[in-house]
Amino acid sequence: MFSVDCSRESNRLSSFRSAKIPDYSLSQSGGFDHLVAGAIGFGAGFAVLFVFYKIILLSLVGGAILGVVNIFISSQGAVSKRKKKLRIQFFDLLEAMSVAMRAGNPPLKALESAKGDLSLIYAENSDIIIEVNIIIEKFNNAVPLSELFSDFARRSGLEDIANFASVYATIEGKSSRADEIVRETQQIIADKMEIEMEIETMMTAAKSEVNIMLFMPLVILGIVGYAGAGFMDAIYTTATGRIVSTIGLGVFAASFLMARKFSKIKL
């Protein structure tokens, strides 16, 4: 029985060592995700350009370009979502470590204890479990925890992890307040997350209003263009009309980009 358990543990460790260290600047989106993002971008671009110009070739070319752009935007969005999820997982890690360290465990033992607690919540291939495994294995190979936390912060690109790594590097081996640092960092992250949730809640209604305001002009143009008995023909057949359409499209695009920028909350 003991030999079987050892064999399983050995296989798990060898599998972990062969795994690549996560790079959080790269998207995990697959081919299907890119295909869906491209189709959505193409459809949106084609519809908007056709409403403003009613030129099929221009709409096809513009839709194709927007489809490619949307693949990139979608990939960046996937990276952002992954980092947001990692931040929550890191908060749970600090919470579990704080409990273990208040019980008198040193940082490494607290990490091992926290890993056991996190394994009940997250899958074995989740980012935080992989990171804890990396930290524990490298620490057993004589790499200081401060360097490991700093490397984790650098790869994640998250300010909260970077701040924790910086403070931990300052006190490592010089203070017995490591448990307080972990607890205080956890509380700071909790406060920031609570504030961000309140902001997102307040902005939800505003985002809905902005989306409606952006969408309604397209609906109105589409309805009037097809049911207006030639009322909009000058827009699509004269040089002045094309200029007006281009200005309107520019205003629409600028409004869309500004709405996205102002509604984005930085981690």
C-alpha atoms as a PDB file:
ATOM      1  CA  MET A   1       0.000   0.000   0.000  1.00  0.00           C
ATOM      2  CA  PHE A   2       2.796   2.395   0.930  1.00  0.00           C
ATOM      3  CA  SER A   3       4.653   1.647  -2.311  1.00  0.00           C
ATOM      4  CA  VAL A   4       1.482   2.361  -4.324  1.00  0.00           C
ATOM      5  CA  ASP A   5       1.013   5.733  -2.598  1.00  0.00           C
ATOM      6  CA  CYS A   6       4.671   6.610  -3.163  1.00  0.00           C
ATOM      7  CA  SER A   7       4.325   5.659  -6.816  1.00  0.00           C
ATOM      8  CA  ARG A   8       1.265   7.884  -7.221  1.00  0.00           C
ATOM      9  CA  GLU A   9       3.000  10.797  -5.510  1.00  0.00           C
ATOM     10  CA  SER A  10       6.090  10.291  -7.658  1.00  0.00           C
ATOM     11  CA  ASN A  11       3.965  10.295 -10.813  1.00  0.00           C
ATOM     12  CA  ARG A  12       2.157  13.448  -9.685  1.00  0.00           C
ATOM     13  CA  LEU A  13       5.424  15.266  -8.962  1.00  0.00           C
ATOM     14  CA  SER A  14       6.984  14.193 -12.255  1.00  0.00           C
ATOM     15  CA  SER A  15       3.871  15.408 -14.065  1.00  0.00           C
ATOM     16  CA  PHE A  16       4.071  18.732 -12.207  1.00  0.00           C
ATOM     17  CA  ARG A  17       7.770  19.184 -13.042  1.00  0.00           C
ATOM     18  CA  SER A  18       7.026  18.648 -16.724  1.00  0.00           C
ATOM     19  CA  ALA A  19       4.307  21.342 -16.644  1.00  0.00           C
ATOM     20  CA  LYS A  20       5.218  24.764 -17.953  1.00  0.00           C
ATOM     21  CA  ILE A  21       5.423  27.695 -15.588  1.00  0.00           C
ATOM     22  CA  PRO A  22       2.301  29.824 -16.216  1.00  0.00           C
ATOM     23  CA  ASP A  23       2.687  32.991 -18.255  1.00  0.00           C
ATOM     24  CA  TYR A  24      -0.244  35.247 -17.405  1.00  0.00           C
ATOM     25  CA  SER A  25       0.485  37.672 -20.245  1.00  0.00           C
ATOM     26  CA  LEU A  26      -0.595  35.032 -22.779  1.00  0.00           C
ATOM     27  CA  SER A  27      -4.196  34.165 -23.572  1.00  0.00           C
ATOM     28  CA  GLN A  28      -5.466  30.621 -23.116  1.00  0.00           C
ATOM     29  CA  SER A  29      -8.084  31.090 -25.840  1.00  0.00           C
ATOM     30  CA  GLY A  30      -8.237  28.250 -28.330  1.00  0.00           C
ATOM     31  CA  GLY A  31      -9.101  28.087 -32.004  1.00  0.00           C
ATOM     32  CA  PHE A  32     -12.840  27.845 -31.339  1.00  0.00           C
ATOM     33  CA  ASP A  33     -12.702  30.940 -29.107  1.00  0.00           C
ATOM     34  CA  HIS A  34     -10.897  32.863 -31.853  1.00  0.00           C
ATOM     35  CA  LEU A  35     -13.466  31.683 -34.398  1.00  0.00           C
ATOM     36  CA  VAL A  36     -16.382  32.865 -32.255  1.00  0.00           C
ATOM     37  CA  ALA A  37     -14.707  36.221 -31.528  1.00  0.00           C
ATOM     38  CA  GLY A  38     -13.938  36.703 -35.221  1.00  0.00           C
ATOM     39  CA  ALA A  39     -17.524  35.892 -36.212  1.00  0.00           C
ATOM     40  CA  ILE A  40     -18.941  38.327 -33.644  1.00  0.00           C
ATOM     41  CA  GLY A  41     -16.576  41.080 -34.761  1.00  0.00           C
ATOM     42  CA  PHE A  42     -17.344  40.437 -38.422  1.00  0.00           C
ATOM     43  CA  GLY A  43     -21.101  40.467 -37.841  1.00  0.00           C
ATOM     44  CA  ALA A  44     -20.988  43.695 -35.810  1.00  0.00           C
ATOM     45  CA  GLY A  45     -18.675  45.434 -38.276  1.00  0.00           C
ATOM     46  CA  PHE A  46     -20.700  44.370 -41.294  1.00  0.00           C
ATOM     47  CA  ALA A  47     -23.988  45.493 -39.724  1.00  0.00           C
ATOM     48  CA  VAL A  48     -22.693  48.921 -38.634  1.00  0.00           C
ATOM     49  CA  LEU A  49     -20.994  49.717 -41.943  1.00  0.00           C
ATOM     50  CA  PHE A  50     -23.967  48.547 -43.965  1.00  0.00           C
ATOM     51  CA  VAL A  51     -26.330  50.739 -41.935  1.00  0.00           C
ATOM     52  CA  PHE A  52     -24.110  53.786 -42.508  1.00  0.00           C
ATOM     53  CA  TYR A  53     -23.111  53.178 -46.162  1.00  0.00           C
ATOM     54  CA  LYS A  54     -25.173  50.343 -47.706  1.00  0.00           C
ATOM     55  CA  ILE A  55     -22.112  49.200 -49.661  1.00  0.00           C
ATOM     56  CA  ILE A  56     -21.760  45.422 -49.433  1.00  0.00           C
ATOM     57  CA  LEU A  57     -18.073  45.233 -50.429  1.00  0.00           C
ATOM     58  CA  LEU A  58     -17.079  47.921 -47.932  1.00  0.00           C
ATOM     59  CA  SER A  59     -19.139  46.197 -45.250  1.00  0.00           C
ATOM     60  CA  LEU A  60     -17.483  42.841 -45.965  1.00  0.00           C
ATOM     61  CA  VAL A  61     -13.957  44.295 -45.848  1.00  0.00           C
ATOM     62  CA  GLY A  62     -14.679  46.363 -42.743  1.00  0.00           C
ATOM     63  CA  GLY A  63     -16.352  43.392 -41.047  1.00  0.00           C
ATOM     64  CA  ALA A  64     -13.339  41.183 -41.778  1.00  0.00           C
ATOM     65  CA  ILE A  65     -10.965  43.789 -40.330  1.00  0.00           C
ATOM     66  CA  LEU A  66     -13.113  44.227 -37.200  1.00  0.00           C
ATOM     67  CA  GLY A  67     -13.315  40.448 -36.863  1.00  0.00           C
ATOM     68  CA  VAL A  68      -9.510  40.203 -36.697  1.00  0.00           C
ATOM     69  CA  VAL A  69      -9.374  43.122 -34.248  1.00  0.00           C
ATOM     70  CA  ASN A  70     -12.029  41.486 -32.070  1.00  0.00           C
ATOM     71  CA  ILE A  71      -9.962  38.296 -31.881  1.00  0.00           C
ATOM     72  CA  PHE A  72      -7.154  40.344 -30.328  1.00  0.00           C
ATOM     73  CA  ILE A  73      -9.567  42.201 -28.015  1.00  0.00           C
ATOM     74  CA  SER A  74     -11.165  38.926 -26.938  1.00  0.00           C
ATOM     75  CA  SER A  75      -7.746  37.418 -26.194  1.00  0.00           C
ATOM     76  CA  GLN A  76      -6.840  40.418 -24.036  1.00  0.00           C
ATOM     77  CA  GLY A  77     -10.179  40.089 -22.282  1.00  0.00           C
ATOM     78  CA  ALA A  78      -9.418  36.434 -21.528  1.00  0.00           C
ATOM     79  CA  VAL A  79      -6.060  37.466 -20.037  1.00  0.00           C
ATOM     80  CA  SER A  80      -7.809  40.075 -17.877  1.00  0.00           C
ATOM     81  CA  LYS A  81     -10.417  37.560 -16.674  1.00  0.00           C
ATOM     82  CA  ARG A  82      -7.683  35.070 -15.819  1.00  0.00           C
ATOM     83  CA  LYS A  83      -5.813  37.674 -13.784  1.00  0.00           C
ATOM     84  CA  LYS A  84      -8.991  38.698 -11.984  1.00  0.00           C
ATOM     85  CA  LYS A  85      -9.641  35.063 -11.110  1.00  0.00           C
ATOM     86  CA  LEU A  86      -6.013  34.635  -9.983  1.00  0.00           C
ATOM     87  CA  ARG A  87      -6.340  37.662  -7.729  1.00  0.00           C
ATOM     88  CA  ILE A  88      -9.330  36.096  -5.957  1.00  0.00           C
ATOM     89  CA  GLN A  89      -7.427  32.823  -5.647  1.00  0.00           C
ATOM     90  CA  PHE A  90      -4.429  34.674  -4.183  1.00  0.00           C
ATOM     91  CA  PHE A  91      -6.736  36.293  -1.631  1.00  0.00           C
ATOM     92  CA  ASP A  92      -7.954  32.819  -0.614  1.00  0.00           C
ATOM     93  CA  LEU A  93      -4.321  31.680  -0.370  1.00  0.00           C
ATOM     94  CA  LEU A  94      -3.439  34.523   2.004  1.00  0.00           C
ATOM     95  CA  GLU A  95      -6.522  33.806   4.080  1.00  0.00           C
ATOM     96  CA  ALA A  96      -5.560  30.136   4.449  1.00  0.00           C
ATOM     97  CA  MET A  97      -1.920  31.051   5.156  1.00  0.00           C
ATOM     98  CA  SER A  98      -2.969  33.595   7.780  1.00  0.00           C
ATOM     99  CA  VAL A  99      -4.964  30.974   9.660  1.00  0.00           C
ATOM    100  CA  ALA A 100      -2.079  28.497   9.540  1.00  0.00           C
ATOM    101  CA  MET A 101       0.516  31.072  10.625  1.00  0.00           C
ATOM    102  CA  ARG A 102      -1.603  32.252  13.546  1.00  0.00           C
ATOM    103  CA  ALA A 103      -1.521  28.636  14.687  1.00  0.00           C
ATOM    104  CA  GLY A 104       2.284  28.890  14.908  1.00  0.00           C
ATOM    105  CA  ASN A 105       3.313  27.397  11.562  1.00  0.00           C
ATOM    106  CA  PRO A 106       6.315  28.859   9.688  1.00  0.00           C
ATOM    107  CA  PRO A 107       5.672  30.271   6.186  1.00  0.00           C
ATOM    108  CA  LEU A 108       6.498  27.040   4.319  1.00  0.00           C
ATOM    109  CA  LYS A 109       4.287  24.909   6.562  1.00  0.00           C
ATOM    110  CA  ALA A 110       1.585  27.551   6.209  1.00  0.00           C
ATOM    111  CA  LEU A 111       1.869  27.291   2.421  1.00  0.00           C
ATOM    112  CA  GLU A 112       1.563  23.510   2.546  1.00  0.00           C
ATOM    113  CA  SER A 113      -1.437  23.792   4.858  1.00  0.00           C
ATOM    114  CA  ALA A 114      -2.998  26.438   2.630  1.00  0.00           C
ATOM    115  CA  LYS A 115      -2.508  24.212  -0.398  1.00  0.00           C
ATOM    116  CA  GLY A 116      -4.491  21.485   1.323  1.00  0.00           C
ATOM    117  CA  ASP A 117      -7.309  23.930   2.067  1.00  0.00           C
ATOM    118  CA  LEU A 118      -7.300  25.353  -1.466  1.00  0.00           C
ATOM    119  CA  SER A 119      -7.404  21.852  -2.960  1.00  0.00           C
ATOM    120  CA  LEU A 120     -10.892  21.540  -1.479  1.00  0.00           C
ATOM    121  CA  ILE A 121     -12.002  24.614  -3.449  1.00  0.00           C
ATOM    122  CA  TYR A 122      -9.952  24.642  -6.641  1.00  0.00           C
ATOM    123  CA  ALA A 123      -8.978  21.978  -9.152  1.00  0.00           C
ATOM    124  CA  GLU A 124      -5.447  20.588  -9.241  1.00  0.00           C
ATOM    125  CA  ASN A 125      -4.758  22.388 -12.540  1.00  0.00           C
ATOM    126  CA  SER A 126      -5.974  25.784 -11.290  1.00  0.00           C
ATOM    127  CA  ASP A 127      -3.441  28.618 -11.398  1.00  0.00           C
ATOM    128  CA  ILE A 128      -3.092  29.089  -7.643  1.00  0.00           C
ATOM    129  CA  ILE A 129      -2.506  25.380  -6.951  1.00  0.00           C
ATOM    130  CA  ILE A 130       0.137  25.284  -9.699  1.00  0.00           C
ATOM    131  CA  GLU A 131       1.815  28.390  -8.253  1.00  0.00           C
ATOM    132  CA  VAL A 132       1.873  26.987  -4.722  1.00  0.00           C
ATOM    133  CA  ASN A 133       3.382  23.754  -6.043  1.00  0.00           C
ATOM    134  CA  ILE A 134       6.066  25.759  -7.861  1.00  0.00           C
ATOM    135  CA  ILE A 135       6.869  27.793  -4.741  1.00  0.00           C
ATOM    136  CA  ILE A 136       7.097  24.744  -2.485  1.00  0.00           C
ATOM    137  CA  GLU A 137       9.237  22.747  -4.918  1.00  0.00           C
ATOM    138  CA  LYS A 138      11.663  25.618  -5.577  1.00  0.00           C
ATOM    139  CA  PHE A 139      11.897  26.454  -1.882  1.00  0.00           C
ATOM    140  CA  ASN A 140      12.925  22.854  -1.237  1.00  0.00           C
ATOM    141  CA  ASN A 141      15.672  23.494  -3.813  1.00  0.00           C
ATOM    142  CA  ALA A 142      17.029  26.358  -1.658  1.00  0.00           C
ATOM    143  CA  VAL A 143      15.335  29.284  -3.431  1.00  0.00           C
ATOM    144  CA  PRO A 144      14.198  31.951  -0.900  1.00  0.00           C
ATOM    145  CA  LEU A 145      10.478  32.556  -0.550  1.00  0.00           C
ATOM    146  CA  SER A 146      10.987  36.267  -1.233  1.00  0.00           C
ATOM    147  CA  GLU A 147      12.415  35.497  -4.679  1.00  0.00           C
ATOM    148  CA  LEU A 148       9.606  33.054  -5.404  1.00  0.00           C
ATOM    149  CA  PHE A 149       6.901  35.547  -4.442  1.00  0.00           C
ATOM    150  CA  SER A 150       8.650  38.230  -6.518  1.00  0.00           C
ATOM    151  CA  ASP A 151       8.765  35.910  -9.525  1.00  0.00           C
ATOM    152  CA  PHE A 152       5.079  35.114  -9.058  1.00  0.00           C
ATOM    153  CA  ALA A 153       4.290  38.850  -8.892  1.00  0.00           C
ATOM    154  CA  ARG A 154       6.321  39.572 -12.026  1.00  0.00           C
ATOM    155  CA  ARG A 155       4.629  36.853 -14.054  1.00  0.00           C
ATOM    156  CA  SER A 156       1.119  37.666 -12.821  1.00  0.00           C
ATOM    157  CA  GLY A 157       1.407  41.423 -13.327  1.00  0.00           C
ATOM    158  CA  LEU A 158      -0.917  41.996 -10.350  1.00  0.00           C
ATOM    159  CA  GLU A 159      -0.242  44.954  -8.081  1.00  0.00           C
ATOM    160  CA  ASP A 160      -1.526  43.208  -4.948  1.00  0.00           C
ATOM    161  CA  ILE A 161       0.866  40.289  -5.353  1.00  0.00           C
ATOM    162  CA  ALA A 162       3.729  42.667  -6.145  1.00  0.00           C
ATOM    163  CA  ASN A 163       3.060  44.681  -2.980  1.00  0.00           C
ATOM    164  CA  PHE A 164       2.955  41.534  -0.876  1.00  0.00           C
ATOM    165  CA  ALA A 165       6.179  40.243  -2.440  1.00  0.00           C
ATOM    166  CA  SER A 166       7.917  43.573  -1.807  1.00  0.00           C
ATOM    167  CA  VAL A 167       6.892  43.700   1.850  1.00  0.00           C
ATOM    168  CA  TYR A 168       7.757  40.041   2.414  1.00  0.00           C
ATOM    169  CA  ALA A 169      11.209  40.538   0.860  1.00  0.00           C
ATOM    170  CA  THR A 170      11.809  43.404   3.306  1.00  0.00           C
ATOM    171  CA  ILE A 171      10.942  41.403   6.430  1.00  0.00           C
ATOM    172  CA  GLU A 172      12.217  37.956   5.405  1.00  0.00           C
ATOM    173  CA  GLY A 173      14.607  36.695   8.051  1.00  0.00           C
ATOM    174  CA  LYS A 174      14.456  40.015   9.916  1.00  0.00           C
ATOM    175  CA  SER A 175      11.087  39.957  11.628  1.00  0.00           C
ATOM    176  CA  SER A 176       8.650  37.551  13.232  1.00  0.00           C
ATOM    177  CA  ARG A 177       5.683  39.577  11.958  1.00  0.00           C
ATOM    178  CA  ALA A 178       5.186  37.527   8.820  1.00  0.00           C
ATOM    179  CA  ASP A 179       1.762  36.385   9.985  1.00  0.00           C
ATOM    180  CA  GLU A 180       0.679  39.991  10.547  1.00  0.00           C
ATOM    181  CA  ILE A 181       1.950  40.990   7.098  1.00  0.00           C
ATOM    182  CA  VAL A 182      -0.041  38.193   5.478  1.00  0.00           C
ATOM    183  CA  ARG A 183      -3.166  39.140   7.428  1.00  0.00           C
ATOM    184  CA  GLU A 184      -2.814  42.864   6.671  1.00  0.00           C
ATOM    185  CA  THR A 185      -2.226  42.210   2.962  1.00  0.00           C
ATOM    186  CA  GLN A 186      -5.288  39.997   2.871  1.00  0.00           C
ATOM    187  CA  GLN A 187      -7.355  42.741   4.512  1.00  0.00           C
ATOM    188  CA  ILE A 188      -6.103  45.362   2.041  1.00  0.00           C
ATOM    189  CA  ILE A 189      -7.042  43.155  -0.913  1.00  0.00           C
ATOM    190  CA  ALA A 190     -10.451  42.475   0.664  1.00  0.00           C
ATOM    191  CA  ASP A 191     -11.092  46.216   1.072  1.00  0.00           C
ATOM    192  CA  LYS A 192     -10.064  46.931  -2.535  1.00  0.00           C
ATOM    193  CA  MET A 193     -12.251  44.124  -3.870  1.00  0.00           C
ATOM    194  CA  GLU A 194     -15.219  45.384  -1.855  1.00  0.00           C
ATOM    195  CA  ILE A 195     -14.780  48.920  -3.219  1.00  0.00           C
ATOM    196  CA  GLU A 196     -14.473  47.615  -6.779  1.00  0.00           C
ATOM    197  CA  MET A 197     -17.657  45.548  -6.373  1.00  0.00           C
ATOM    198  CA  GLU A 198     -19.516  48.633  -5.150  1.00  0.00           C
ATOM    199  CA  ILE A 199     -18.247  50.646  -8.129  1.00  0.00           C
ATOM    200  CA  GLU A 200     -19.242  47.902 -10.565  1.00  0.00           C
ATOM    201  CA  THR A 201     -22.699  47.729  -8.977  1.00  0.00           C
ATOM    202  CA  MET A 202     -23.173  51.477  -9.346  1.00  0.00           C
ATOM    203  CA  MET A 203     -21.925  51.384 -12.947  1.00  0.00           C
ATOM    204  CA  THR A 204     -24.147  48.501 -14.055  1.00  0.00           C
ATOM    205  CA  ALA A 205     -27.138  50.744 -14.714  1.00  0.00           C
ATOM    206  CA  ALA A 206     -24.928  53.337 -16.419  1.00  0.00           C
ATOM    207  CA  LYS A 207     -23.413  50.669 -18.689  1.00  0.00           C
ATOM    208  CA  SER A 208     -26.894  49.495 -19.705  1.00  0.00           C
ATOM    209  CA  GLU A 209     -27.935  53.054 -20.528  1.00  0.00           C
ATOM    210  CA  VAL A 210     -24.791  53.628 -22.587  1.00  0.00           C
ATOM    211  CA  ASN A 211     -25.323  50.403 -24.540  1.00  0.00           C
ATOM    212  CA  ILE A 212     -28.914  51.408 -25.307  1.00  0.00           C
ATOM    213  CA  MET A 213     -27.826  54.897 -26.385  1.00  0.00           C
ATOM    214  CA  LEU A 214     -25.196  53.394 -28.695  1.00  0.00           C
ATOM    215  CA  PHE A 215     -27.542  50.779 -30.130  1.00  0.00           C
ATOM    216  CA  MET A 216     -30.615  52.955 -30.740  1.00  0.00           C
ATOM    217  CA  PRO A 217     -29.103  55.193 -33.479  1.00  0.00           C
ATOM    218  CA  LEU A 218     -28.328  52.066 -35.522  1.00  0.00           C
ATOM    219  CA  VAL A 219     -31.896  50.837 -35.084  1.00  0.00           C
ATOM    220  CA  ILE A 220     -33.336  54.194 -36.062  1.00  0.00           C
ATOM    221  CA  LEU A 221     -31.076  54.489 -39.126  1.00  0.00           C
ATOM    222  CA  GLY A 222     -31.959  50.955 -40.167  1.00  0.00           C
ATOM    223  CA  ILE A 223     -35.708  51.455 -39.782  1.00  0.00           C
ATOM    224  CA  VAL A 224     -35.779  54.852 -41.495  1.00  0.00           C
ATOM    225  CA  GLY A 225     -33.465  53.639 -44.251  1.00  0.00           C
ATOM    226  CA  TYR A 226     -35.727  50.714 -45.159  1.00  0.00           C
ATOM    227  CA  ALA A 227     -39.165  52.058 -44.260  1.00  0.00           C
ATOM    228  CA  GLY A 228     -38.697  55.764 -44.917  1.00  0.00           C
ATOM    229  CA  ALA A 229     -39.854  55.725 -48.557  1.00  0.00           C
ATOM    230  CA  GLY A 230     -36.630  57.238 -49.859  1.00  0.00           C
ATOM    231  CA  PHE A 231     -36.275  59.718 -46.980  1.00  0.00           C
ATOM    232  CA  MET A 232     -32.610  58.671 -46.432  1.00  0.00           C
ATOM    233  CA  ASP A 233     -31.620  58.195 -50.078  1.00  0.00           C
ATOM    234  CA  ALA A 234     -29.520  61.375 -50.111  1.00  0.00           C
ATOM    235  CA  ILE A 235     -27.322  59.939 -47.356  1.00  0.00           C
ATOM    236  CA  TYR A 236     -26.409  56.943 -49.531  1.00  0.00           C
ATOM    237  CA  THR A 237     -26.289  58.507 -52.993  1.00  0.00           C
ATOM    238  CA  THR A 238     -24.628  61.933 -52.702  1.00  0.00           C
ATOM    239  CA  ALA A 239     -21.115  63.022 -51.766  1.00  0.00           C
ATOM    240  CA  THR A 240     -22.465  65.244 -48.995  1.00  0.00           C
ATOM    241  CA  GLY A 241     -24.461  62.323 -47.643  1.00  0.00           C
ATOM    242  CA  ARG A 242     -21.364  60.103 -47.579  1.00  0.00           C
ATOM    243  CA  ILE A 243     -19.488  62.794 -45.659  1.00  0.00           C
ATOM    244  CA  VAL A 244     -22.322  63.061 -43.139  1.00  0.00           C
ATOM    245  CA  SER A 245     -22.382  59.256 -42.790  1.00  0.00           C
ATOM    246  CA  THR A 246     -18.616  59.169 -42.210  1.00  0.00           C
ATOM    247  CA  ILE A 247     -18.836  61.885 -39.540  1.00  0.00           C
ATOM    248  CA  GLY A 248     -21.693  60.008 -37.878  1.00  0.00           C
ATOM    249  CA  LEU A 249     -19.721  56.773 -37.957  1.00  0.00           C
ATOM    250  CA  GLY A 250     -16.724  58.555 -36.407  1.00  0.00           C
ATOM    251  CA  VAL A 251     -18.888  59.947 -33.599  1.00  0.00           C
ATOM    252  CA  PHE A 252     -20.394  56.499 -33.038  1.00  0.00           C
ATOM    253  CA  ALA A 253     -16.954  54.819 -32.902  1.00  0.00           C
ATOM    254  CA  ALA A 254     -15.529  57.490 -30.571  1.00  0.00           C
ATOM    255  CA  SER A 255     -18.544  57.175 -28.252  1.00  0.00           C
ATOM    256  CA  PHE A 256     -18.167  53.390 -28.160  1.00  0.00           C
ATOM    257  CA  LEU A 257     -14.444  53.547 -27.344  1.00  0.00           C
ATOM    258  CA  MET A 258     -14.931  56.223 -24.679  1.00  0.00           C
ATOM    259  CA  ALA A 259     -17.740  54.238 -23.058  1.00  0.00           C
ATOM    260  CA  ARG A 260     -15.512  51.152 -22.851  1.00  0.00           C
ATOM    261  CA  LYS A 261     -12.567  53.129 -21.499  1.00  0.00           C
ATOM    262  CA  PHE A 262     -14.512  54.963 -18.798  1.00  0.00           C
ATOM    263  CA  SER A 263     -16.297  51.816 -17.620  1.00  0.00           C
ATOM    264  CA  LYS A 264     -13.102  49.779 -17.235  1.00  0.00           C
ATOM    265  CA  ILE A 265     -11.835  49.231 -13.687  1.00  0.00           C
ATOM    266  CA  LYS A 266      -8.120  48.659 -13.333  1.00  0.00           C
ATOM    267  CA  LEU A 267      -7.051  45.798 -11.034  1.00  0.00           C
END
